[in-house]
Amino acid sequence: MNARVNLFSDTQTLPTPAMRKAMSEAEVGDEQLMADPTVNALCARVAQLLGFEAAVFLPSGTMCNQIAIRLHVRPGGDAIYLHRTAHPLRHEAGGPAALSGATVIPLDGERGTFDAATLQAALPTEGDGYEPRPRVVLIEQTTNIAGGHVWPLEQVRGVLEVAGARGMRTHLDGARLMNAVVASGVPAADWCHGFDTAWIDFTKGLGAPIGAVLAGSRELIDEAWRYKRMIGGAMRQAGIVAAGALYALDHHVDRLSQDHANARQLALGLVDLDAITIDPKAVETNIVIFDVPNAATFLQRIAEHDVAMSQIGPTTIRAVTHLDISADDIDLALSAVRAAV
């Protein structure tokens, strides 16, 4: 994916020269033996940032989700409730079923969210021995395929209240949590309050090449280490990559507002084109979703102008801004779109 203007995803970011320098100078040790000081510093910092006792550094956000699900689900078909567009259901290769034996219950709701009433209505009657046992509620913040929407805090609180009343575990998929923090002004710990586990990713808008950190209670994180070793996630001198994540926390959080502004600029430029269907008011963070007559043809045509986006449906396109995209790049992307349509 080597387009001049790469809006395929915020996973396409490259480490900046300053981040590379920090990585090259990192103090390292054996991460699996808890002897890498840079990894330890990162985990302590993220635990504090998210309001938990402990945290573990993992190679990917998908591994964060899958380990968290395995922590919460008991063998025998326990049910996970999440939005039908959520990443663990759509983009993790059936991991909840394959790795945890979980039954996934998809919920509906606007823009990748659901409310307390929707969750309550989906739960089986207490004592019902026929349906899967309700065990986990998962929220994706911000929503991905649904367009970077920030869950309203009160709506999250309502969902957690229903889950708590049924004795369910709760997990926050925080792949783009820091985008929600910047867009809303609500601190990360407030978003995570009430969840059993939560994580943030460093390879999206924060621009690091590798890594995510899963946080929870000390007991849960100790158990997470067992699964990390089991599925090959333990590392050695991982401080080299953890240093990139620490650099991102210091330098790349506040600038996420620039990505949000660029996404709005793109949406406002698209709204005037007859062949494009988009609601620019729906763009809250760095993800822009819009429709065209034929998505595959559209992508081929903008590729001829050295612009990349992604297809998420027969007529639906996703464009994601990030730290390697400037306002000038948005203008180039809009020129490519005009030519394509």
C-alpha atoms as a PDB file:
ATOM      1  CA  MET A   1       0.000   0.000   0.000  1.00  0.00           C
ATOM      2  CA  ASN A   2       2.441   2.635  -1.261  1.00  0.00           C
ATOM      3  CA  ALA A   3       0.076   5.339  -2.500  1.00  0.00           C
ATOM      4  CA  ARG A   4       1.179   8.957  -2.287  1.00  0.00           C
ATOM      5  CA  VAL A   5      -1.923   9.748  -0.224  1.00  0.00           C
ATOM      6  CA  ASN A   6      -2.601   6.645   1.839  1.00  0.00           C
ATOM      7  CA  LEU A   7      -6.011   6.820   3.494  1.00  0.00           C
ATOM      8  CA  PHE A   8      -6.423   3.042   3.566  1.00  0.00           C
ATOM      9  CA  SER A   9      -6.132   3.016   7.372  1.00  0.00           C
ATOM     10  CA  ASP A  10      -4.348   4.721  10.241  1.00  0.00           C
ATOM     11  CA  THR A  11      -2.365   1.477  10.500  1.00  0.00           C
ATOM     12  CA  GLN A  12      -0.373   2.752   7.513  1.00  0.00           C
ATOM     13  CA  THR A  13       1.573   5.277   9.599  1.00  0.00           C
ATOM     14  CA  LEU A  14       5.351   5.179   9.591  1.00  0.00           C
ATOM     15  CA  PRO A  15       7.470   5.904  12.673  1.00  0.00           C
ATOM     16  CA  THR A  16       8.826   9.437  12.594  1.00  0.00           C
ATOM     17  CA  PRO A  17      12.584  10.050  12.656  1.00  0.00           C
ATOM     18  CA  ALA A  18      12.343  11.173  16.278  1.00  0.00           C
ATOM     19  CA  MET A  19      10.423   8.014  17.201  1.00  0.00           C
ATOM     20  CA  ARG A  20      13.030   5.875  15.431  1.00  0.00           C
ATOM     21  CA  LYS A  21      15.754   7.632  17.405  1.00  0.00           C
ATOM     22  CA  ALA A  22      13.957   6.941  20.688  1.00  0.00           C
ATOM     23  CA  MET A  23      13.587   3.290  19.712  1.00  0.00           C
ATOM     24  CA  SER A  24      17.231   2.941  18.774  1.00  0.00           C
ATOM     25  CA  GLU A  25      18.317   4.338  22.138  1.00  0.00           C
ATOM     26  CA  ALA A  26      15.895   2.310  24.282  1.00  0.00           C
ATOM     27  CA  GLU A  27      17.151   0.491  27.341  1.00  0.00           C
ATOM     28  CA  VAL A  28      16.224  -3.169  26.930  1.00  0.00           C
ATOM     29  CA  GLY A  29      16.153  -6.499  28.722  1.00  0.00           C
ATOM     30  CA  ASP A  30      14.309  -9.819  28.599  1.00  0.00           C
ATOM     31  CA  GLU A  31      10.646  -8.835  28.436  1.00  0.00           C
ATOM     32  CA  GLN A  32       9.396 -12.352  29.190  1.00  0.00           C
ATOM     33  CA  LEU A  33      11.339 -12.295  32.467  1.00  0.00           C
ATOM     34  CA  MET A  34       9.902  -8.839  33.329  1.00  0.00           C
ATOM     35  CA  ALA A  35      13.434  -7.496  32.920  1.00  0.00           C
ATOM     36  CA  ASP A  36      12.903  -4.966  30.125  1.00  0.00           C
ATOM     37  CA  PRO A  37      12.794  -1.549  31.822  1.00  0.00           C
ATOM     38  CA  THR A  38      11.226   0.228  28.846  1.00  0.00           C
ATOM     39  CA  VAL A  39       8.384  -2.284  28.556  1.00  0.00           C
ATOM     40  CA  ASN A  40       7.843  -2.109  32.314  1.00  0.00           C
ATOM     41  CA  ALA A  41       7.680   1.682  32.164  1.00  0.00           C
ATOM     42  CA  LEU A  42       5.162   1.553  29.319  1.00  0.00           C
ATOM     43  CA  CYS A  43       2.905  -0.914  31.136  1.00  0.00           C
ATOM     44  CA  ALA A  44       2.985   1.134  34.340  1.00  0.00           C
ATOM     45  CA  ARG A  45       2.158   4.287  32.433  1.00  0.00           C
ATOM     46  CA  VAL A  46      -0.766   2.776  30.527  1.00  0.00           C
ATOM     47  CA  ALA A  47      -2.168   1.171  33.676  1.00  0.00           C
ATOM     48  CA  GLN A  48      -2.181   4.593  35.330  1.00  0.00           C
ATOM     49  CA  LEU A  49      -3.560   6.301  32.212  1.00  0.00           C
ATOM     50  CA  LEU A  50      -6.500   3.887  32.001  1.00  0.00           C
ATOM     51  CA  GLY A  51      -7.074   3.659  35.759  1.00  0.00           C
ATOM     52  CA  PHE A  52      -6.120   0.012  36.354  1.00  0.00           C
ATOM     53  CA  GLU A  53      -3.752  -1.845  38.663  1.00  0.00           C
ATOM     54  CA  ALA A  54      -1.593  -3.472  35.997  1.00  0.00           C
ATOM     55  CA  ALA A  55      -1.031  -3.873  32.264  1.00  0.00           C
ATOM     56  CA  VAL A  56       0.719  -6.136  29.766  1.00  0.00           C
ATOM     57  CA  PHE A  57       2.431  -5.227  26.489  1.00  0.00           C
ATOM     58  CA  LEU A  58       1.230  -7.269  23.514  1.00  0.00           C
ATOM     59  CA  PRO A  59       2.192  -7.355  19.840  1.00  0.00           C
ATOM     60  CA  SER A  60      -1.276  -6.379  18.554  1.00  0.00           C
ATOM     61  CA  GLY A  61      -4.695  -5.124  19.477  1.00  0.00           C
ATOM     62  CA  THR A  62      -6.278  -8.308  18.202  1.00  0.00           C
ATOM     63  CA  MET A  63      -4.229 -10.228  20.751  1.00  0.00           C
ATOM     64  CA  CYS A  64      -5.468  -7.821  23.435  1.00  0.00           C
ATOM     65  CA  ASN A  65      -9.073  -8.586  22.501  1.00  0.00           C
ATOM     66  CA  GLN A  66      -8.563 -12.328  22.269  1.00  0.00           C
ATOM     67  CA  ILE A  67      -6.683 -12.638  25.545  1.00  0.00           C
ATOM     68  CA  ALA A  68      -9.257 -10.479  27.307  1.00  0.00           C
ATOM     69  CA  ILE A  69     -12.106 -12.611  25.956  1.00  0.00           C
ATOM     70  CA  ARG A  70     -10.290 -15.751  27.091  1.00  0.00           C
ATOM     71  CA  LEU A  71      -9.845 -14.230  30.544  1.00  0.00           C
ATOM     72  CA  HIS A  72     -13.557 -13.592  30.904  1.00  0.00           C
ATOM     73  CA  VAL A  73     -15.202 -16.531  29.137  1.00  0.00           C
ATOM     74  CA  ARG A  74     -15.617 -19.900  30.803  1.00  0.00           C
ATOM     75  CA  PRO A  75     -15.431 -23.048  28.652  1.00  0.00           C
ATOM     76  CA  GLY A  76     -18.767 -24.229  27.331  1.00  0.00           C
ATOM     77  CA  GLY A  77     -20.264 -21.619  25.038  1.00  0.00           C
ATOM     78  CA  ASP A  78     -20.505 -18.507  27.222  1.00  0.00           C
ATOM     79  CA  ALA A  79     -21.929 -15.577  25.279  1.00  0.00           C
ATOM     80  CA  ILE A  80     -20.229 -12.319  24.321  1.00  0.00           C
ATOM     81  CA  TYR A  81     -22.508  -9.377  23.486  1.00  0.00           C
ATOM     82  CA  LEU A  82     -21.139  -6.758  21.094  1.00  0.00           C
ATOM     83  CA  HIS A  83     -22.197  -4.667  18.131  1.00  0.00           C
ATOM     84  CA  ARG A  84     -22.467  -6.593  14.888  1.00  0.00           C
ATOM     85  CA  THR A  85     -19.796  -4.369  13.279  1.00  0.00           C
ATOM     86  CA  ALA A  86     -17.293  -4.710  16.147  1.00  0.00           C
ATOM     87  CA  HIS A  87     -13.742  -5.762  15.329  1.00  0.00           C
ATOM     88  CA  PRO A  88     -13.667  -9.069  17.282  1.00  0.00           C
ATOM     89  CA  LEU A  89     -16.669 -10.274  15.282  1.00  0.00           C
ATOM     90  CA  ARG A  90     -15.799  -8.889  11.849  1.00  0.00           C
ATOM     91  CA  HIS A  91     -12.015  -8.874  11.664  1.00  0.00           C
ATOM     92  CA  GLU A  92     -10.410 -11.377  14.056  1.00  0.00           C
ATOM     93  CA  ALA A  93     -10.806 -14.591  12.049  1.00  0.00           C
ATOM     94  CA  GLY A  94     -13.350 -16.197  14.355  1.00  0.00           C
ATOM     95  CA  GLY A  95     -11.016 -15.881  17.330  1.00  0.00           C
ATOM     96  CA  PRO A  96     -13.672 -15.803  20.088  1.00  0.00           C
ATOM     97  CA  ALA A  97     -15.041 -19.171  18.962  1.00  0.00           C
ATOM     98  CA  ALA A  98     -11.713 -20.781  18.077  1.00  0.00           C
ATOM     99  CA  LEU A  99      -9.677 -19.625  21.077  1.00  0.00           C
ATOM    100  CA  SER A 100     -12.293 -19.290  23.815  1.00  0.00           C
ATOM    101  CA  GLY A 101     -15.222 -21.451  22.726  1.00  0.00           C
ATOM    102  CA  ALA A 102     -17.441 -18.388  22.965  1.00  0.00           C
ATOM    103  CA  THR A 103     -20.809 -17.732  21.395  1.00  0.00           C
ATOM    104  CA  VAL A 104     -20.950 -14.235  19.891  1.00  0.00           C
ATOM    105  CA  ILE A 105     -24.290 -12.405  20.107  1.00  0.00           C
ATOM    106  CA  PRO A 106     -24.376  -9.438  17.683  1.00  0.00           C
ATOM    107  CA  LEU A 107     -26.405  -6.406  18.711  1.00  0.00           C
ATOM    108  CA  ASP A 108     -27.858  -3.639  16.565  1.00  0.00           C
ATOM    109  CA  GLY A 109     -27.668   0.067  17.126  1.00  0.00           C
ATOM    110  CA  GLU A 110     -26.810   3.315  15.423  1.00  0.00           C
ATOM    111  CA  ARG A 111     -23.238   3.943  14.271  1.00  0.00           C
ATOM    112  CA  GLY A 112     -21.670   0.907  15.895  1.00  0.00           C
ATOM    113  CA  THR A 113     -23.163   1.445  19.341  1.00  0.00           C
ATOM    114  CA  PHE A 114     -25.988  -0.095  21.333  1.00  0.00           C
ATOM    115  CA  ASP A 115     -27.780   1.078  24.439  1.00  0.00           C
ATOM    116  CA  ALA A 116     -28.762  -0.425  27.760  1.00  0.00           C
ATOM    117  CA  ALA A 117     -32.267  -1.301  26.561  1.00  0.00           C
ATOM    118  CA  THR A 118     -30.910  -3.185  23.546  1.00  0.00           C
ATOM    119  CA  LEU A 119     -28.542  -5.191  25.714  1.00  0.00           C
ATOM    120  CA  GLN A 120     -31.256  -5.901  28.279  1.00  0.00           C
ATOM    121  CA  ALA A 121     -33.640  -7.130  25.594  1.00  0.00           C
ATOM    122  CA  ALA A 122     -30.994  -9.476  24.158  1.00  0.00           C
ATOM    123  CA  LEU A 123     -30.175 -11.176  27.467  1.00  0.00           C
ATOM    124  CA  PRO A 124     -31.921 -14.458  28.279  1.00  0.00           C
ATOM    125  CA  THR A 125     -34.277 -14.742  31.196  1.00  0.00           C
ATOM    126  CA  GLU A 126     -32.335 -15.383  34.369  1.00  0.00           C
ATOM    127  CA  GLY A 127     -32.144 -19.090  35.039  1.00  0.00           C
ATOM    128  CA  ASP A 128     -32.735 -19.987  31.393  1.00  0.00           C
ATOM    129  CA  GLY A 129     -30.761 -23.164  30.749  1.00  0.00           C
ATOM    130  CA  TYR A 130     -31.284 -23.194  26.984  1.00  0.00           C
ATOM    131  CA  GLU A 131     -29.515 -20.061  25.768  1.00  0.00           C
ATOM    132  CA  PRO A 132     -25.766 -19.453  26.129  1.00  0.00           C
ATOM    133  CA  ARG A 133     -24.796 -18.006  29.484  1.00  0.00           C
ATOM    134  CA  PRO A 134     -24.407 -14.233  29.218  1.00  0.00           C
ATOM    135  CA  ARG A 135     -20.836 -13.584  30.256  1.00  0.00           C
ATOM    136  CA  VAL A 136     -19.155 -10.623  28.520  1.00  0.00           C
ATOM    137  CA  VAL A 137     -20.187  -7.246  27.122  1.00  0.00           C
ATOM    138  CA  LEU A 138     -17.709  -5.663  24.687  1.00  0.00           C
ATOM    139  CA  ILE A 139     -17.675  -2.028  23.568  1.00  0.00           C
ATOM    140  CA  GLU A 140     -15.516  -0.664  20.738  1.00  0.00           C
ATOM    141  CA  GLN A 141     -14.353   2.921  21.332  1.00  0.00           C
ATOM    142  CA  THR A 142     -14.270   4.577  18.855  1.00  0.00           C
ATOM    143  CA  THR A 143     -16.363   2.548  16.444  1.00  0.00           C
ATOM    144  CA  ASN A 144     -14.402   1.373  13.419  1.00  0.00           C
ATOM    145  CA  ILE A 145     -16.537   0.261  10.481  1.00  0.00           C
ATOM    146  CA  ALA A 146     -19.344   2.475  11.756  1.00  0.00           C
ATOM    147  CA  GLY A 147     -17.222   5.560  11.165  1.00  0.00           C
ATOM    148  CA  GLY A 148     -15.128   6.596  14.159  1.00  0.00           C
ATOM    149  CA  HIS A 149     -18.131   7.433  16.322  1.00  0.00           C
ATOM    150  CA  VAL A 150     -17.521   8.248  19.988  1.00  0.00           C
ATOM    151  CA  TRP A 151     -19.880   6.399  22.314  1.00  0.00           C
ATOM    152  CA  PRO A 152     -21.655   8.903  24.602  1.00  0.00           C
ATOM    153  CA  LEU A 153     -20.348   8.425  28.132  1.00  0.00           C
ATOM    154  CA  GLU A 154     -23.823   8.106  29.641  1.00  0.00           C
ATOM    155  CA  GLN A 155     -24.685   5.420  27.107  1.00  0.00           C
ATOM    156  CA  VAL A 156     -21.579   3.470  28.121  1.00  0.00           C
ATOM    157  CA  ARG A 157     -22.542   3.843  31.773  1.00  0.00           C
ATOM    158  CA  GLY A 158     -26.013   2.486  31.035  1.00  0.00           C
ATOM    159  CA  VAL A 159     -24.629  -0.583  29.276  1.00  0.00           C
ATOM    160  CA  LEU A 160     -22.233  -1.238  32.163  1.00  0.00           C
ATOM    161  CA  GLU A 161     -25.082  -0.971  34.653  1.00  0.00           C
ATOM    162  CA  VAL A 162     -27.085  -3.658  32.841  1.00  0.00           C
ATOM    163  CA  ALA A 163     -24.023  -5.894  32.582  1.00  0.00           C
ATOM    164  CA  GLY A 164     -23.214  -5.441  36.251  1.00  0.00           C
ATOM    165  CA  ALA A 165     -26.753  -6.317  37.294  1.00  0.00           C
ATOM    166  CA  ARG A 166     -26.360  -9.666  35.518  1.00  0.00           C
ATOM    167  CA  GLY A 167     -22.890 -10.339  36.913  1.00  0.00           C
ATOM    168  CA  MET A 168     -21.259 -10.040  33.486  1.00  0.00           C
ATOM    169  CA  ARG A 169     -17.659  -9.091  32.708  1.00  0.00           C
ATOM    170  CA  THR A 170     -16.976  -6.010  30.575  1.00  0.00           C
ATOM    171  CA  HIS A 171     -14.224  -5.266  28.068  1.00  0.00           C
ATOM    172  CA  LEU A 172     -13.334  -2.034  26.267  1.00  0.00           C
ATOM    173  CA  ASP A 173     -11.762  -2.403  22.833  1.00  0.00           C
ATOM    174  CA  GLY A 174      -9.814   0.846  22.863  1.00  0.00           C
ATOM    175  CA  ALA A 175      -8.039   0.576  19.523  1.00  0.00           C
ATOM    176  CA  ARG A 176      -8.811   4.278  18.955  1.00  0.00           C
ATOM    177  CA  LEU A 177      -9.592   5.244  22.541  1.00  0.00           C
ATOM    178  CA  MET A 178      -7.212   8.189  22.435  1.00  0.00           C
ATOM    179  CA  ASN A 179      -9.135   9.578  19.465  1.00  0.00           C
ATOM    180  CA  ALA A 180     -12.229   9.492  21.672  1.00  0.00           C
ATOM    181  CA  VAL A 181     -10.308  11.204  24.478  1.00  0.00           C
ATOM    182  CA  VAL A 182      -9.161  14.037  22.221  1.00  0.00           C
ATOM    183  CA  ALA A 183     -12.534  14.439  20.508  1.00  0.00           C
ATOM    184  CA  SER A 184     -14.588  14.409  23.712  1.00  0.00           C
ATOM    185  CA  GLY A 185     -12.246  15.884  26.308  1.00  0.00           C
ATOM    186  CA  VAL A 186     -13.114  12.938  28.594  1.00  0.00           C
ATOM    187  CA  PRO A 187      -9.971  11.406  30.178  1.00  0.00           C
ATOM    188  CA  ALA A 188      -9.073   7.838  29.272  1.00  0.00           C
ATOM    189  CA  ALA A 189      -9.557   6.639  32.864  1.00  0.00           C
ATOM    190  CA  ASP A 190     -13.121   7.950  32.841  1.00  0.00           C
ATOM    191  CA  TRP A 191     -13.911   6.024  29.663  1.00  0.00           C
ATOM    192  CA  CYS A 192     -12.420   2.877  31.225  1.00  0.00           C
ATOM    193  CA  HIS A 193     -14.093   3.242  34.615  1.00  0.00           C
ATOM    194  CA  GLY A 194     -16.278   0.239  35.357  1.00  0.00           C
ATOM    195  CA  PHE A 195     -14.697  -2.084  32.794  1.00  0.00           C
ATOM    196  CA  ASP A 196     -12.865  -5.231  33.844  1.00  0.00           C
ATOM    197  CA  THR A 197     -10.309  -4.883  31.035  1.00  0.00           C
ATOM    198  CA  ALA A 198      -9.398  -2.248  28.457  1.00  0.00           C
ATOM    199  CA  TRP A 199      -6.587  -1.601  26.022  1.00  0.00           C
ATOM    200  CA  ILE A 200      -5.105   1.018  23.732  1.00  0.00           C
ATOM    201  CA  ASP A 201      -3.324   0.537  20.430  1.00  0.00           C
ATOM    202  CA  PHE A 202      -0.137   2.333  19.442  1.00  0.00           C
ATOM    203  CA  THR A 203      -0.028   1.347  15.759  1.00  0.00           C
ATOM    204  CA  LYS A 204      -2.968   3.445  14.565  1.00  0.00           C
ATOM    205  CA  GLY A 205      -3.242   7.192  15.083  1.00  0.00           C
ATOM    206  CA  LEU A 206      -0.417   7.166  17.615  1.00  0.00           C
ATOM    207  CA  GLY A 207       1.958   6.078  14.873  1.00  0.00           C
ATOM    208  CA  ALA A 208       4.124   3.388  16.477  1.00  0.00           C
ATOM    209  CA  PRO A 209       5.129   0.363  14.377  1.00  0.00           C
ATOM    210  CA  ILE A 210       4.201  -2.390  16.849  1.00  0.00           C
ATOM    211  CA  GLY A 211       2.237  -2.916  19.999  1.00  0.00           C
ATOM    212  CA  ALA A 212      -0.811  -2.500  22.196  1.00  0.00           C
ATOM    213  CA  VAL A 213      -1.260  -2.618  25.971  1.00  0.00           C
ATOM    214  CA  LEU A 214      -4.023  -4.492  27.810  1.00  0.00           C
ATOM    215  CA  ALA A 215      -4.893  -3.289  31.325  1.00  0.00           C
ATOM    216  CA  GLY A 216      -6.919  -4.732  34.184  1.00  0.00           C
ATOM    217  CA  SER A 217      -6.622  -5.906  37.758  1.00  0.00           C
ATOM    218  CA  ARG A 218      -3.356  -7.441  38.900  1.00  0.00           C
ATOM    219  CA  GLU A 219      -5.043 -10.851  39.063  1.00  0.00           C
ATOM    220  CA  LEU A 220      -6.363 -10.621  35.501  1.00  0.00           C
ATOM    221  CA  ILE A 221      -3.081  -9.345  34.077  1.00  0.00           C
ATOM    222  CA  ASP A 222      -1.152 -12.141  35.790  1.00  0.00           C
ATOM    223  CA  GLU A 223      -3.494 -14.571  34.055  1.00  0.00           C
ATOM    224  CA  ALA A 224      -3.167 -12.631  30.787  1.00  0.00           C
ATOM    225  CA  TRP A 225       0.571 -13.335  30.912  1.00  0.00           C
ATOM    226  CA  ARG A 226      -0.210 -17.055  30.897  1.00  0.00           C
ATOM    227  CA  TYR A 227      -2.209 -16.713  27.678  1.00  0.00           C
ATOM    228  CA  LYS A 228       0.387 -14.371  26.217  1.00  0.00           C
ATOM    229  CA  ARG A 229       3.000 -17.106  26.592  1.00  0.00           C
ATOM    230  CA  MET A 230       0.580 -19.768  25.403  1.00  0.00           C
ATOM    231  CA  ILE A 231      -0.103 -18.113  22.038  1.00  0.00           C
ATOM    232  CA  GLY A 232       3.423 -16.884  21.405  1.00  0.00           C
ATOM    233  CA  GLY A 233       3.105 -13.247  22.406  1.00  0.00           C
ATOM    234  CA  ALA A 234       5.993 -13.148  24.866  1.00  0.00           C
ATOM    235  CA  MET A 235       9.028 -11.263  23.603  1.00  0.00           C
ATOM    236  CA  ARG A 236      12.660 -10.627  24.475  1.00  0.00           C
ATOM    237  CA  GLN A 237      14.258  -7.195  24.055  1.00  0.00           C
ATOM    238  CA  ALA A 238      10.889  -5.600  23.347  1.00  0.00           C
ATOM    239  CA  GLY A 239      11.911  -2.241  24.766  1.00  0.00           C
ATOM    240  CA  ILE A 240      12.951  -1.292  21.252  1.00  0.00           C
ATOM    241  CA  VAL A 241       9.306  -1.241  20.177  1.00  0.00           C
ATOM    242  CA  ALA A 242       7.890  -0.187  23.557  1.00  0.00           C
ATOM    243  CA  ALA A 243      10.011   2.962  23.265  1.00  0.00           C
ATOM    244  CA  GLY A 244       8.038   3.885  20.158  1.00  0.00           C
ATOM    245  CA  ALA A 245       4.808   3.574  22.151  1.00  0.00           C
ATOM    246  CA  LEU A 246       6.183   5.737  24.965  1.00  0.00           C
ATOM    247  CA  TYR A 247       7.273   8.338  22.438  1.00  0.00           C
ATOM    248  CA  ALA A 248       3.766   8.292  20.968  1.00  0.00           C
ATOM    249  CA  LEU A 249       2.194   8.971  24.354  1.00  0.00           C
ATOM    250  CA  ASP A 250       4.480  11.958  24.799  1.00  0.00           C
ATOM    251  CA  HIS A 251       4.187  13.450  21.318  1.00  0.00           C
ATOM    252  CA  HIS A 252       1.297  12.022  19.275  1.00  0.00           C
ATOM    253  CA  VAL A 253      -1.826  12.248  21.434  1.00  0.00           C
ATOM    254  CA  ASP A 254      -2.739  15.937  21.273  1.00  0.00           C
ATOM    255  CA  ARG A 255      -1.995  16.049  17.546  1.00  0.00           C
ATOM    256  CA  LEU A 256      -4.853  13.577  16.905  1.00  0.00           C
ATOM    257  CA  SER A 257      -7.020  16.698  16.675  1.00  0.00           C
ATOM    258  CA  GLN A 258      -5.242  17.452  13.389  1.00  0.00           C
ATOM    259  CA  ASP A 259      -6.356  14.092  12.022  1.00  0.00           C
ATOM    260  CA  HIS A 260      -9.920  14.863  13.054  1.00  0.00           C
ATOM    261  CA  ALA A 261      -9.753  18.249  11.320  1.00  0.00           C
ATOM    262  CA  ASN A 262      -8.387  16.639   8.151  1.00  0.00           C
ATOM    263  CA  ALA A 263     -11.186  14.071   8.211  1.00  0.00           C
ATOM    264  CA  ARG A 264     -13.767  16.848   8.440  1.00  0.00           C
ATOM    265  CA  GLN A 265     -12.036  18.662   5.568  1.00  0.00           C
ATOM    266  CA  LEU A 266     -12.300  15.523   3.453  1.00  0.00           C
ATOM    267  CA  ALA A 267     -15.966  15.011   4.325  1.00  0.00           C
ATOM    268  CA  LEU A 268     -16.877  18.596   3.518  1.00  0.00           C
ATOM    269  CA  GLY A 269     -15.109  18.306   0.169  1.00  0.00           C
ATOM    270  CA  LEU A 270     -16.949  15.105  -0.695  1.00  0.00           C
ATOM    271  CA  VAL A 271     -20.425  16.356   0.153  1.00  0.00           C
ATOM    272  CA  ASP A 272     -20.565  18.594  -2.933  1.00  0.00           C
ATOM    273  CA  LEU A 273     -19.997  15.743  -5.392  1.00  0.00           C
ATOM    274  CA  ASP A 274     -23.144  14.296  -6.964  1.00  0.00           C
ATOM    275  CA  ALA A 275     -21.848  10.718  -7.090  1.00  0.00           C
ATOM    276  CA  ILE A 276     -20.941  10.690  -3.385  1.00  0.00           C
ATOM    277  CA  THR A 277     -23.344  10.007  -0.515  1.00  0.00           C
ATOM    278  CA  ILE A 278     -22.031  11.213   2.836  1.00  0.00           C
ATOM    279  CA  ASP A 279     -23.176  12.882   6.042  1.00  0.00           C
ATOM    280  CA  PRO A 280     -20.304  15.185   7.042  1.00  0.00           C
ATOM    281  CA  LYS A 281     -21.903  15.763  10.459  1.00  0.00           C
ATOM    282  CA  ALA A 282     -21.251  12.081  11.211  1.00  0.00           C
ATOM    283  CA  VAL A 283     -17.471  12.591  11.066  1.00  0.00           C
ATOM    284  CA  GLU A 284     -16.345  12.931  14.689  1.00  0.00           C
ATOM    285  CA  THR A 285     -12.781  11.632  14.653  1.00  0.00           C
ATOM    286  CA  ASN A 286     -10.457  10.341  11.921  1.00  0.00           C
ATOM    287  CA  ILE A 287     -12.678   7.928   9.970  1.00  0.00           C
ATOM    288  CA  VAL A 288     -14.771   8.999   6.977  1.00  0.00           C
ATOM    289  CA  ILE A 289     -17.404   6.626   5.570  1.00  0.00           C
ATOM    290  CA  PHE A 290     -19.173   7.373   2.295  1.00  0.00           C
ATOM    291  CA  ASP A 291     -20.954   5.626  -0.558  1.00  0.00           C
ATOM    292  CA  VAL A 292     -20.277   5.579  -4.285  1.00  0.00           C
ATOM    293  CA  PRO A 293     -22.053   3.744  -7.125  1.00  0.00           C
ATOM    294  CA  ASN A 294     -19.370   1.032  -7.308  1.00  0.00           C
ATOM    295  CA  ALA A 295     -16.698   0.798  -4.635  1.00  0.00           C
ATOM    296  CA  ALA A 296     -14.252  -1.452  -6.499  1.00  0.00           C
ATOM    297  CA  THR A 297     -14.270   0.757  -9.584  1.00  0.00           C
ATOM    298  CA  PHE A 298     -13.907   3.870  -7.464  1.00  0.00           C
ATOM    299  CA  LEU A 299     -10.809   2.508  -5.725  1.00  0.00           C
ATOM    300  CA  GLN A 300      -9.232   1.573  -9.048  1.00  0.00           C
ATOM    301  CA  ARG A 301      -9.785   5.079 -10.376  1.00  0.00           C
ATOM    302  CA  ILE A 302      -8.371   6.939  -7.384  1.00  0.00           C
ATOM    303  CA  ALA A 303      -5.392   4.556  -7.386  1.00  0.00           C
ATOM    304  CA  GLU A 304      -4.549   5.939 -10.828  1.00  0.00           C
ATOM    305  CA  HIS A 305      -4.060   9.279  -9.037  1.00  0.00           C
ATOM    306  CA  ASP A 306      -1.886   7.708  -6.308  1.00  0.00           C
ATOM    307  CA  VAL A 307      -4.593   7.762  -3.630  1.00  0.00           C
ATOM    308  CA  ALA A 308      -5.641   4.757  -1.536  1.00  0.00           C
ATOM    309  CA  MET A 309      -8.780   4.152   0.526  1.00  0.00           C
ATOM    310  CA  SER A 310     -10.517   0.904   1.540  1.00  0.00           C
ATOM    311  CA  GLN A 311     -13.719  -0.858   0.544  1.00  0.00           C
ATOM    312  CA  ILE A 312     -16.032  -2.028   3.339  1.00  0.00           C
ATOM    313  CA  GLY A 313     -19.065  -2.850   1.215  1.00  0.00           C
ATOM    314  CA  PRO A 314     -20.195  -3.062  -2.429  1.00  0.00           C
ATOM    315  CA  THR A 315     -20.761   0.706  -2.493  1.00  0.00           C
ATOM    316  CA  THR A 316     -19.117   1.811   0.750  1.00  0.00           C
ATOM    317  CA  ILE A 317     -15.680   3.379   1.154  1.00  0.00           C
ATOM    318  CA  ARG A 318     -13.667   4.083   4.291  1.00  0.00           C
ATOM    319  CA  ALA A 319     -10.957   6.765   4.408  1.00  0.00           C
ATOM    320  CA  VAL A 320      -8.853   7.191   7.553  1.00  0.00           C
ATOM    321  CA  THR A 321      -6.626  10.159   8.342  1.00  0.00           C
ATOM    322  CA  HIS A 322      -3.441   9.856  10.385  1.00  0.00           C
ATOM    323  CA  LEU A 323      -0.140  11.559  11.165  1.00  0.00           C
ATOM    324  CA  ASP A 324       1.284  10.979   7.685  1.00  0.00           C
ATOM    325  CA  ILE A 325      -1.645  12.828   6.076  1.00  0.00           C
ATOM    326  CA  SER A 326      -1.573  16.608   5.793  1.00  0.00           C
ATOM    327  CA  ALA A 327      -4.217  19.127   4.767  1.00  0.00           C
ATOM    328  CA  ASP A 328      -2.489  19.321   1.366  1.00  0.00           C
ATOM    329  CA  ASP A 329      -2.844  15.549   1.048  1.00  0.00           C
ATOM    330  CA  ILE A 330      -6.586  15.908   1.635  1.00  0.00           C
ATOM    331  CA  ASP A 331      -6.733  18.376  -1.241  1.00  0.00           C
ATOM    332  CA  LEU A 332      -4.922  15.861  -3.454  1.00  0.00           C
ATOM    333  CA  ALA A 333      -7.330  13.118  -2.383  1.00  0.00           C
ATOM    334  CA  LEU A 334     -10.321  15.303  -3.213  1.00  0.00           C
ATOM    335  CA  SER A 335      -8.870  16.033  -6.644  1.00  0.00           C
ATOM    336  CA  ALA A 336      -8.482  12.294  -7.234  1.00  0.00           C
ATOM    337  CA  VAL A 337     -12.071  11.666  -6.161  1.00  0.00           C
ATOM    338  CA  ARG A 338     -13.388  14.366  -8.468  1.00  0.00           C
ATOM    339  CA  ALA A 339     -11.537  12.773 -11.341  1.00  0.00           C
ATOM    340  CA  ALA A 340     -12.782   9.313 -10.382  1.00  0.00           C
ATOM    341  CA  VAL A 341     -16.471  10.219 -10.225  1.00  0.00           C
END
